PDB file of N, CA and C in Angstrom:
ATOM      1  N   UNK A   1       0.838  -1.174  -0.001  1.00  0.00           N
ATOM      2  CA  UNK A   1      -0.003   0.006  -0.003  1.00  0.00           C
ATOM      3  C   UNK A   1       0.883   1.246  -0.001  1.00  0.00           C
ATOM      4  N   UNK A   2       0.490   2.268  -0.772  1.00  0.00           N
ATOM      5  CA  UNK A   2       1.283   3.488  -0.825  1.00  0.00           C
ATOM      6  C   UNK A   2       0.700   4.562   0.098  1.00  0.00           C
ATOM      7  N   UNK A   3       1.301   5.742   0.070  1.00  0.00           N
ATOM      8  CA  UNK A   3       0.884   6.842   0.962  1.00  0.00           C
ATOM      9  C   UNK A   3      -0.518   7.343   0.667  1.00  0.00           C
ATOM     10  N   UNK A   4      -1.065   7.034  -0.510  1.00  0.00           N
ATOM     11  CA  UNK A   4      -2.390   7.499  -0.876  1.00  0.00           C
ATOM     12  C   UNK A   4      -3.454   6.449  -0.587  1.00  0.00           C
ATOM     13  N   UNK A   5      -3.078   5.314   0.005  1.00  0.00           N
ATOM     14  CA  UNK A   5      -4.033   4.270   0.318  1.00  0.00           C
ATOM     15  C   UNK A   5      -4.247   3.284  -0.817  1.00  0.00           C
ATOM     16  N   UNK A   6      -3.475   3.409  -1.883  1.00  0.00           N
ATOM     17  CA  UNK A   6      -3.631   2.518  -3.014  1.00  0.00           C
ATOM     18  C   UNK A   6      -2.443   1.583  -3.147  1.00  0.00           C
ATOM     19  N   UNK A   7      -2.337   0.991  -4.293  1.00  0.00           N
ATOM     20  CA  UNK A   7      -1.276   0.023  -4.523  1.00  0.00           C
ATOM     21  C   UNK A   7      -0.066   0.622  -5.232  1.00  0.00           C
ATOM     22  N   UNK A   8      -0.102   1.900  -5.526  1.00  0.00           N
ATOM     23  CA  UNK A   8       1.067   2.526  -6.157  1.00  0.00           C
ATOM     24  C   UNK A   8       0.686   3.506  -7.235  1.00  0.00           C
ATOM     25  N   UNK A   9       1.639   3.833  -8.080  1.00  0.00           N
ATOM     26  CA  UNK A   9       1.439   4.854  -9.111  1.00  0.00           C
ATOM     27  C   UNK A   9       0.343   4.488 -10.107  1.00  0.00           C
ATOM     28  N   UNK A  10       0.142   3.211 -10.348  1.00  0.00           N
ATOM     29  CA  UNK A  10      -0.884   2.783 -11.300  1.00  0.00           C
ATOM     30  C   UNK A  10      -2.273   3.243 -10.860  1.00  0.00           C
ATOM     31  N   UNK A  11      -2.496   3.349  -9.549  1.00  0.00           N
ATOM     32  CA  UNK A  11      -3.779   3.833  -9.045  1.00  0.00           C
ATOM     33  C   UNK A  11      -4.036   5.285  -9.461  1.00  0.00           C
ATOM     34  N   UNK A  12      -3.003   6.002  -9.780  1.00  0.00           N
ATOM     35  CA  UNK A  12      -3.117   7.406 -10.120  1.00  0.00           C
ATOM     36  C   UNK A  12      -3.026   7.637 -11.622  1.00  0.00           C
ATOM     37  N   UNK A  13      -3.183   6.598 -12.413  1.00  0.00           N
ATOM     38  CA  UNK A  13      -3.173   6.715 -13.855  1.00  0.00           C
ATOM     39  C   UNK A  13      -1.796   6.906 -14.459  1.00  0.00           C
ATOM     40  N   UNK A  14      -0.762   6.533 -13.730  1.00  0.00           N
ATOM     41  CA  UNK A  14       0.606   6.753 -14.209  1.00  0.00           C
ATOM     42  C   UNK A  14       1.254   5.426 -14.541  1.00  0.00           C
ATOM     43  N   UNK A  15       1.729   5.305 -15.758  1.00  0.00           N
ATOM     44  CA  UNK A  15       2.467   4.124 -16.184  1.00  0.00           C
ATOM     45  C   UNK A  15       3.843   4.578 -16.667  1.00  0.00           C
ATOM     46  N   UNK A  16       4.887   4.370 -15.868  1.00  0.00           N
ATOM     47  CA  UNK A  16       6.219   4.869 -16.248  1.00  0.00           C
ATOM     48  C   UNK A  16       6.734   4.270 -17.543  1.00  0.00           C
ATOM     49  N   UNK A  17       6.220   3.128 -17.955  1.00  0.00           N
ATOM     50  CA  UNK A  17       6.670   2.502 -19.200  1.00  0.00           C
ATOM     51  C   UNK A  17       6.070   3.175 -20.419  1.00  0.00           C
ATOM     52  N   UNK A  18       5.025   3.981 -20.236  1.00  0.00           N
ATOM     53  CA  UNK A  18       4.391   4.672 -21.358  1.00  0.00           C
ATOM     54  C   UNK A  18       4.821   6.147 -21.416  1.00  0.00           C
ATOM     55  N   UNK A  19       5.900   6.468 -20.731  1.00  0.00           N
ATOM     56  CA  UNK A  19       6.355   7.844 -20.633  1.00  0.00           C
ATOM     57  C   UNK A  19       7.740   7.981 -21.238  1.00  0.00           C
ATOM     58  N   UNK A  20       7.946   9.067 -21.987  1.00  0.00           N
ATOM     59  CA  UNK A  20       9.264   9.391 -22.508  1.00  0.00           C
ATOM     60  C   UNK A  20       9.901  10.340 -21.499  1.00  0.00           C
ATOM     61  N   UNK A  21      11.023   9.946 -20.950  1.00  0.00           N
ATOM     62  CA  UNK A  21      11.708  10.752 -19.957  1.00  0.00           C
ATOM     63  C   UNK A  21      12.830  11.539 -20.619  1.00  0.00           C
ATOM     64  N   UNK A  22      12.907  12.822 -20.341  1.00  0.00           N
ATOM     65  CA  UNK A  22      13.951  13.681 -20.897  1.00  0.00           C
ATOM     66  C   UNK A  22      14.927  14.030 -19.774  1.00  0.00           C
ATOM     67  N   UNK A  23      16.190  13.725 -19.994  1.00  0.00           N
ATOM     68  CA  UNK A  23      17.221  14.011 -18.997  1.00  0.00           C
ATOM     69  C   UNK A  23      17.233  15.510 -18.669  1.00  0.00           C
ATOM     70  N   UNK A  24      17.272  15.821 -17.393  1.00  0.00           N
ATOM     71  CA  UNK A  24      17.363  17.208 -16.953  1.00  0.00           C
ATOM     72  C   UNK A  24      16.035  17.889 -16.698  1.00  0.00           C
ATOM     73  N   UNK A  25      14.908  17.240 -17.048  1.00  0.00           N
ATOM     74  CA  UNK A  25      13.596  17.843 -16.804  1.00  0.00           C
ATOM     75  C   UNK A  25      13.115  17.376 -15.432  1.00  0.00           C
ATOM     76  N   UNK A  26      12.742  18.327 -14.581  1.00  0.00           N
ATOM     77  CA  UNK A  26      12.302  18.028 -13.227  1.00  0.00           C
ATOM     78  C   UNK A  26      10.792  17.780 -13.230  1.00  0.00           C
ATOM     79  N   UNK A  27      10.398  16.562 -13.542  1.00  0.00           N
ATOM     80  CA  UNK A  27       8.978  16.204 -13.599  1.00  0.00           C
ATOM     81  C   UNK A  27       8.346  16.192 -12.208  1.00  0.00           C
ATOM     82  N   UNK A  28       9.112  15.836 -11.208  1.00  0.00           N
ATOM     83  CA  UNK A  28       8.572  15.732  -9.845  1.00  0.00           C
ATOM     84  C   UNK A  28       8.130  17.093  -9.338  1.00  0.00           C
ATOM     85  N   UNK A  29       8.911  18.137  -9.597  1.00  0.00           N
ATOM     86  CA  UNK A  29       8.552  19.490  -9.136  1.00  0.00           C
ATOM     87  C   UNK A  29       7.246  19.944  -9.787  1.00  0.00           C
ATOM     88  N   UNK A  30       7.095  19.685 -11.087  1.00  0.00           N
ATOM     89  CA  UNK A  30       5.870  20.051 -11.783  1.00  0.00           C
ATOM     90  C   UNK A  30       4.674  19.290 -11.248  1.00  0.00           C
ATOM     91  N   UNK A  31       4.867  17.998 -10.997  1.00  0.00           N
ATOM     92  CA  UNK A  31       3.785  17.179 -10.449  1.00  0.00           C
ATOM     93  C   UNK A  31       3.393  17.669  -9.054  1.00  0.00           C
ATOM     94  N   UNK A  32       4.399  17.973  -8.226  1.00  0.00           N
ATOM     95  CA  UNK A  32       4.101  18.473  -6.859  1.00  0.00           C
ATOM     96  C   UNK A  32       3.337  19.797  -6.914  1.00  0.00           C
ATOM     97  N   UNK A  33       3.747  20.689  -7.803  1.00  0.00           N
ATOM     98  CA  UNK A  33       3.054  21.967  -7.940  1.00  0.00           C
ATOM     99  C   UNK A  33       1.597  21.737  -8.362  1.00  0.00           C
ATOM    100  N   UNK A  34       1.394  20.818  -9.299  1.00  0.00           N
ATOM    101  CA  UNK A  34       0.040  20.504  -9.737  1.00  0.00           C
ATOM    102  C   UNK A  34      -0.768  19.860  -8.618  1.00  0.00           C
ATOM    103  N   UNK A  35      -0.144  18.981  -7.850  1.00  0.00           N
ATOM    104  CA  UNK A  35      -0.833  18.344  -6.718  1.00  0.00           C
ATOM    105  C   UNK A  35      -1.288  19.379  -5.724  1.00  0.00           C
ATOM    106  N   UNK A  36      -0.400  20.323  -5.391  1.00  0.00           N
ATOM    107  CA  UNK A  36      -0.735  21.373  -4.427  1.00  0.00           C
ATOM    108  C   UNK A  36      -1.823  22.305  -4.974  1.00  0.00           C
ATOM    109  N   UNK A  37      -1.726  22.652  -6.244  1.00  0.00           N
ATOM    110  CA  UNK A  37      -2.721  23.521  -6.861  1.00  0.00           C
ATOM    111  C   UNK A  37      -4.088  22.849  -6.900  1.00  0.00           C
ATOM    112  N   UNK A  38      -4.103  21.550  -7.230  1.00  0.00           N
ATOM    113  CA  UNK A  38      -5.359  20.803  -7.244  1.00  0.00           C
ATOM    114  C   UNK A  38      -5.989  20.726  -5.870  1.00  0.00           C
ATOM    115  N   UNK A  39      -5.173  20.478  -4.853  1.00  0.00           N
ATOM    116  CA  UNK A  39      -5.681  20.417  -3.484  1.00  0.00           C
ATOM    117  C   UNK A  39      -6.229  21.773  -3.057  1.00  0.00           C
ATOM    118  N   UNK A  40      -5.539  22.854  -3.417  1.00  0.00           N
ATOM    119  CA  UNK A  40      -6.004  24.205  -3.065  1.00  0.00           C
ATOM    120  C   UNK A  40      -7.324  24.514  -3.766  1.00  0.00           C
ATOM    121  N   UNK A  41      -7.466  24.079  -5.008  1.00  0.00           N
ATOM    122  CA  UNK A  41      -8.708  24.300  -5.753  1.00  0.00           C
ATOM    123  C   UNK A  41      -9.865  23.558  -5.089  1.00  0.00           C
ATOM    124  N   UNK A  42      -9.648  22.316  -4.724  1.00  0.00           N
ATOM    125  CA  UNK A  42     -10.694  21.539  -4.062  1.00  0.00           C
ATOM    126  C   UNK A  42     -11.077  22.193  -2.720  1.00  0.00           C
ATOM    127  N   UNK A  43     -10.097  22.637  -1.975  1.00  0.00           N
ATOM    128  CA  UNK A  43     -10.371  23.318  -0.703  1.00  0.00           C
ATOM    129  C   UNK A  43     -11.175  24.593  -0.904  1.00  0.00           C
ATOM    130  N   UNK A  44     -10.820  25.370  -1.926  1.00  0.00           N
ATOM    131  CA  UNK A  44     -11.533  26.620  -2.208  1.00  0.00           C
ATOM    132  C   UNK A  44     -12.974  26.343  -2.627  1.00  0.00           C
ATOM    133  N   UNK A  45     -13.179  25.314  -3.449  1.00  0.00           N
ATOM    134  CA  UNK A  45     -14.538  24.968  -3.861  1.00  0.00           C
ATOM    135  C   UNK A  45     -15.366  24.515  -2.661  1.00  0.00           C
ATOM    136  N   UNK A  46     -14.757  23.723  -1.786  1.00  0.00           N
ATOM    137  CA  UNK A  46     -15.474  23.279  -0.582  1.00  0.00           C
ATOM    138  C   UNK A  46     -15.816  24.463   0.304  1.00  0.00           C
ATOM    139  N   UNK A  47     -14.894  25.420   0.456  1.00  0.00           N
ATOM    140  CA  UNK A  47     -15.142  26.602   1.273  1.00  0.00           C
ATOM    141  C   UNK A  47     -16.270  27.466   0.691  1.00  0.00           C
ATOM    142  N   UNK A  48     -16.456  27.385  -0.632  1.00  0.00           N
ATOM    143  CA  UNK A  48     -17.509  28.143  -1.301  1.00  0.00           C
ATOM    144  C   UNK A  48     -18.858  27.418  -1.256  1.00  0.00           C
ATOM    145  N   UNK A  49     -18.886  26.254  -0.614  1.00  0.00           N
ATOM    146  CA  UNK A  49     -20.132  25.525  -0.486  1.00  0.00           C
ATOM    147  C   UNK A  49     -20.376  24.481  -1.557  1.00  0.00           C
ATOM    148  N   UNK A  50     -19.386  24.188  -2.380  1.00  0.00           N
ATOM    149  CA  UNK A  50     -19.525  23.166  -3.422  1.00  0.00           C
ATOM    150  C   UNK A  50     -19.289  21.800  -2.795  1.00  0.00           C
ATOM    151  N   UNK A  51     -20.144  20.845  -3.149  1.00  0.00           N
ATOM    152  CA  UNK A  51     -19.973  19.465  -2.684  1.00  0.00           C
ATOM    153  C   UNK A  51     -18.816  18.834  -3.469  1.00  0.00           C
ATOM    154  N   UNK A  52     -17.716  18.553  -2.788  1.00  0.00           N
ATOM    155  CA  UNK A  52     -16.530  18.021  -3.447  1.00  0.00           C
ATOM    156  C   UNK A  52     -16.366  16.518  -3.216  1.00  0.00           C
ATOM    157  N   UNK A  53     -17.430  15.877  -2.735  1.00  0.00           N
ATOM    158  CA  UNK A  53     -17.360  14.458  -2.413  1.00  0.00           C
ATOM    159  C   UNK A  53     -16.886  13.618  -3.599  1.00  0.00           C
ATOM    160  N   UNK A  54     -17.424  13.865  -4.775  1.00  0.00           N
ATOM    161  CA  UNK A  54     -17.084  13.071  -5.959  1.00  0.00           C
ATOM    162  C   UNK A  54     -16.201  13.826  -6.939  1.00  0.00           C
ATOM    163  N   UNK A  55     -15.530  14.845  -6.466  1.00  0.00           N
ATOM    164  CA  UNK A  55     -14.648  15.649  -7.293  1.00  0.00           C
ATOM    165  C   UNK A  55     -13.230  15.076  -7.196  1.00  0.00           C
ATOM    166  N   UNK A  56     -12.532  15.031  -8.321  1.00  0.00           N
ATOM    167  CA  UNK A  56     -11.162  14.515  -8.326  1.00  0.00           C
ATOM    168  C   UNK A  56     -10.272  15.485  -9.095  1.00  0.00           C
ATOM    169  N   UNK A  57      -9.245  15.961  -8.418  1.00  0.00           N
ATOM    170  CA  UNK A  57      -8.232  16.801  -9.050  1.00  0.00           C
ATOM    171  C   UNK A  57      -6.957  15.981  -9.128  1.00  0.00           C
ATOM    172  N   UNK A  58      -6.617  15.553 -10.340  1.00  0.00           N
ATOM    173  CA  UNK A  58      -5.471  14.666 -10.516  1.00  0.00           C
ATOM    174  C   UNK A  58      -4.278  15.440 -11.068  1.00  0.00           C
ATOM    175  N   UNK A  59      -3.136  15.309 -10.408  1.00  0.00           N
ATOM    176  CA  UNK A  59      -1.917  15.998 -10.814  1.00  0.00           C
ATOM    177  C   UNK A  59      -1.176  15.210 -11.892  1.00  0.00           C
ATOM    178  N   UNK A  60      -0.591  15.960 -12.815  1.00  0.00           N
ATOM    179  CA  UNK A  60       0.236  15.388 -13.885  1.00  0.00           C
ATOM    180  C   UNK A  60       1.431  16.302 -14.114  1.00  0.00           C
ATOM    181  N   UNK A  61       2.447  15.763 -14.727  1.00  0.00           N
ATOM    182  CA  UNK A  61       3.561  16.577 -15.218  1.00  0.00           C
ATOM    183  C   UNK A  61       3.524  16.538 -16.736  1.00  0.00           C
ATOM    184  N   UNK A  62       3.618  17.707 -17.344  1.00  0.00           N
ATOM    185  CA  UNK A  62       3.609  17.824 -18.799  1.00  0.00           C
ATOM    186  C   UNK A  62       4.993  17.465 -19.344  1.00  0.00           C
ATOM    187  N   UNK A  63       5.122  17.247 -20.634  1.00  0.00           N
ATOM    188  CA  UNK A  63       6.422  16.877 -21.205  1.00  0.00           C
ATOM    189  C   UNK A  63       7.554  17.838 -20.894  1.00  0.00           C
ATOM    190  N   UNK A  64       7.227  19.123 -20.689  1.00  0.00           N
ATOM    191  CA  UNK A  64       8.277  20.091 -20.380  1.00  0.00           C
ATOM    192  C   UNK A  64       8.563  20.167 -18.879  1.00  0.00           C
ATOM    193  N   UNK A  65       7.865  19.359 -18.079  1.00  0.00           N
ATOM    194  CA  UNK A  65       8.079  19.332 -16.637  1.00  0.00           C
ATOM    195  C   UNK A  65       7.122  20.199 -15.852  1.00  0.00           C
ATOM    196  N   UNK A  66       6.353  21.051 -16.539  1.00  0.00           N
ATOM    197  CA  UNK A  66       5.396  21.895 -15.818  1.00  0.00           C
ATOM    198  C   UNK A  66       4.214  21.048 -15.354  1.00  0.00           C
ATOM    199  N   UNK A  67       3.528  21.539 -14.346  1.00  0.00           N
ATOM    200  CA  UNK A  67       2.404  20.808 -13.787  1.00  0.00           C
ATOM    201  C   UNK A  67       1.128  21.029 -14.564  1.00  0.00           C
ATOM    202  N   UNK A  68       0.201  20.081 -14.380  1.00  0.00           N
ATOM    203  CA  UNK A  68      -1.102  20.159 -15.012  1.00  0.00           C
ATOM    204  C   UNK A  68      -2.088  19.457 -14.093  1.00  0.00           C
ATOM    205  N   UNK A  69      -3.288  20.005 -13.935  1.00  0.00           N
ATOM    206  CA  UNK A  69      -4.313  19.412 -13.109  1.00  0.00           C
ATOM    207  C   UNK A  69      -5.487  19.016 -13.977  1.00  0.00           C
ATOM    208  N   UNK A  70      -5.904  17.767 -13.885  1.00  0.00           N
ATOM    209  CA  UNK A  70      -7.101  17.281 -14.546  1.00  0.00           C
ATOM    210  C   UNK A  70      -8.205  17.244 -13.512  1.00  0.00           C
ATOM    211  N   UNK A  71      -9.303  17.919 -13.811  1.00  0.00           N
ATOM    212  CA  UNK A  71     -10.421  18.002 -12.876  1.00  0.00           C
ATOM    213  C   UNK A  71     -11.561  17.129 -13.391  1.00  0.00           C
ATOM    214  N   UNK A  72     -12.015  16.198 -12.559  1.00  0.00           N
ATOM    215  CA  UNK A  72     -13.145  15.342 -12.896  1.00  0.00           C
ATOM    216  C   UNK A  72     -14.216  15.582 -11.842  1.00  0.00           C
ATOM    217  N   UNK A  73     -15.421  15.919 -12.288  1.00  0.00           N
ATOM    218  CA  UNK A  73     -16.479  16.196 -11.348  1.00  0.00           C
ATOM    219  C   UNK A  73     -17.831  15.873 -11.969  1.00  0.00           C
ATOM    220  N   UNK A  74     -18.808  15.581 -11.117  1.00  0.00           N
ATOM    221  CA  UNK A  74     -20.157  15.303 -11.630  1.00  0.00           C
ATOM    222  C   UNK A  74     -20.739  16.540 -12.314  1.00  0.00           C
ATOM    223  N   UNK A  75     -21.656  16.318 -13.225  1.00  0.00           N
ATOM    224  CA  UNK A  75     -22.283  17.406 -13.969  1.00  0.00           C
ATOM    225  C   UNK A  75     -22.932  18.424 -13.036  1.00  0.00           C
ATOM    226  N   UNK A  76     -23.618  17.950 -12.009  1.00  0.00           N
ATOM    227  CA  UNK A  76     -24.269  18.861 -11.074  1.00  0.00           C
ATOM    228  C   UNK A  76     -23.252  19.762 -10.375  1.00  0.00           C
ATOM    229  N   UNK A  77     -22.097  19.214 -10.054  1.00  0.00           N
ATOM    230  CA  UNK A  77     -21.053  20.005  -9.411  1.00  0.00           C
ATOM    231  C   UNK A  77     -20.487  21.042 -10.386  1.00  0.00           C
ATOM    232  N   UNK A  78     -20.334  20.660 -11.633  1.00  0.00           N
ATOM    233  CA  UNK A  78     -19.860  21.601 -12.661  1.00  0.00           C
ATOM    234  C   UNK A  78     -20.852  22.746 -12.828  1.00  0.00           C
ATOM    235  N   UNK A  79     -22.131  22.426 -12.847  1.00  0.00           N
ATOM    236  CA  UNK A  79     -23.139  23.469 -13.008  1.00  0.00           C
ATOM    237  C   UNK A  79     -23.170  24.417 -11.797  1.00  0.00           C
ATOM    238  N   UNK A  80     -23.073  23.863 -10.599  1.00  0.00           N
ATOM    239  CA  UNK A  80     -23.075  24.688  -9.376  1.00  0.00           C
ATOM    240  C   UNK A  80     -21.845  25.580  -9.349  1.00  0.00           C
ATOM    241  N   UNK A  81     -20.690  25.056  -9.743  1.00  0.00           N
ATOM    242  CA  UNK A  81     -19.462  25.846  -9.797  1.00  0.00           C
ATOM    243  C   UNK A  81     -19.601  26.981 -10.803  1.00  0.00           C
ATOM    244  N   UNK A  82     -20.189  26.688 -11.951  1.00  0.00           N
ATOM    245  CA  UNK A  82     -20.416  27.702 -12.980  1.00  0.00           C
ATOM    246  C   UNK A  82     -21.333  28.808 -12.465  1.00  0.00           C
ATOM    247  N   UNK A  83     -22.377  28.418 -11.748  1.00  0.00           N
ATOM    248  CA  UNK A  83     -23.304  29.407 -11.152  1.00  0.00           C
ATOM    249  C   UNK A  83     -22.543  30.320 -10.181  1.00  0.00           C
ATOM    250  N   UNK A  84     -21.742  29.731  -9.310  1.00  0.00           N
ATOM    251  CA  UNK A  84     -20.989  30.527  -8.341  1.00  0.00           C
ATOM    252  C   UNK A  84     -20.003  31.469  -9.014  1.00  0.00           C
ATOM    253  N   UNK A  85     -19.298  30.978 -10.022  1.00  0.00           N
ATOM    254  CA  UNK A  85     -18.347  31.843 -10.743  1.00  0.00           C
ATOM    255  C   UNK A  85     -19.075  32.978 -11.459  1.00  0.00           C
ATOM    256  N   UNK A  86     -20.217  32.663 -12.049  1.00  0.00           N
ATOM    257  CA  UNK A  86     -21.016  33.704 -12.714  1.00  0.00           C
ATOM    258  C   UNK A  86     -21.479  34.763 -11.735  1.00  0.00           C
ATOM    259  N   UNK A  87     -21.941  34.334 -10.558  1.00  0.00           N
ATOM    260  CA  UNK A  87     -22.369  35.284  -9.534  1.00  0.00           C
ATOM    261  C   UNK A  87     -21.202  36.151  -9.067  1.00  0.00           C
ATOM    262  N   UNK A  88     -20.035  35.542  -8.914  1.00  0.00           N
ATOM    263  CA  UNK A  88     -18.852  36.308  -8.493  1.00  0.00           C
ATOM    264  C   UNK A  88     -18.464  37.333  -9.551  1.00  0.00           C
ATOM    265  N   UNK A  89     -18.550  36.968 -10.828  1.00  0.00           N
ATOM    266  CA  UNK A  89     -18.241  37.907 -11.897  1.00  0.00           C
ATOM    267  C   UNK A  89     -19.226  39.066 -11.912  1.00  0.00           C
ATOM    268  N   UNK A  90     -20.513  38.746 -11.765  1.00  0.00           N
ATOM    269  CA  UNK A  90     -21.529  39.805 -11.761  1.00  0.00           C
ATOM    270  C   UNK A  90     -21.316  40.740 -10.562  1.00  0.00           C
ATOM    271  N   UNK A  91     -20.981  40.185  -9.427  1.00  0.00           N
ATOM    272  CA  UNK A  91     -20.738  40.978  -8.220  1.00  0.00           C
ATOM    273  C   UNK A  91     -19.514  41.889  -8.412  1.00  0.00           C
ATOM    274  N   UNK A  92     -18.476  41.345  -9.032  1.00  0.00           N
ATOM    275  CA  UNK A  92     -17.268  42.121  -9.280  1.00  0.00           C
ATOM    276  C   UNK A  92     -17.492  43.256 -10.264  1.00  0.00           C
ATOM    277  N   UNK A  93     -18.334  43.046 -11.262  1.00  0.00           N
ATOM    278  CA  UNK A  93     -18.609  44.079 -12.260  1.00  0.00           C
ATOM    279  C   UNK A  93     -19.492  45.181 -11.683  1.00  0.00           C
ATOM    280  N   UNK A  94     -20.305  44.814 -10.685  1.00  0.00           N
ATOM    281  CA  UNK A  94     -21.221  45.786 -10.101  1.00  0.00           C
ATOM    282  C   UNK A  94     -20.500  46.775  -9.187  1.00  0.00           C
ATOM    283  N   UNK A  95     -19.339  46.407  -8.695  1.00  0.00           N
ATOM    284  CA  UNK A  95     -18.659  47.295  -7.742  1.00  0.00           C
ATOM    285  C   UNK A  95     -17.685  48.232  -8.421  1.00  0.00           C
TER     286      UNK A  95
END
């Protein structure tokens, strides 16, 4: 069992044999940045009242080593998030 409660990297959609590794590219730093950004996003959505129970923010490292977050969420959660963002934009324009 790994630190995430799973059986290893395969649980996170990562297959090192299907990856081209470039010497000198710091993939770990990009992945860590993406992991932290995804966690912060989930925390912010939860603080805004969004149900994050079935939301998944998965960290990845891009070929250049930069981070990337893939967000998977139920349709209802996407709609509620869109409503909140729209309300925030309208509020910001009104002031």
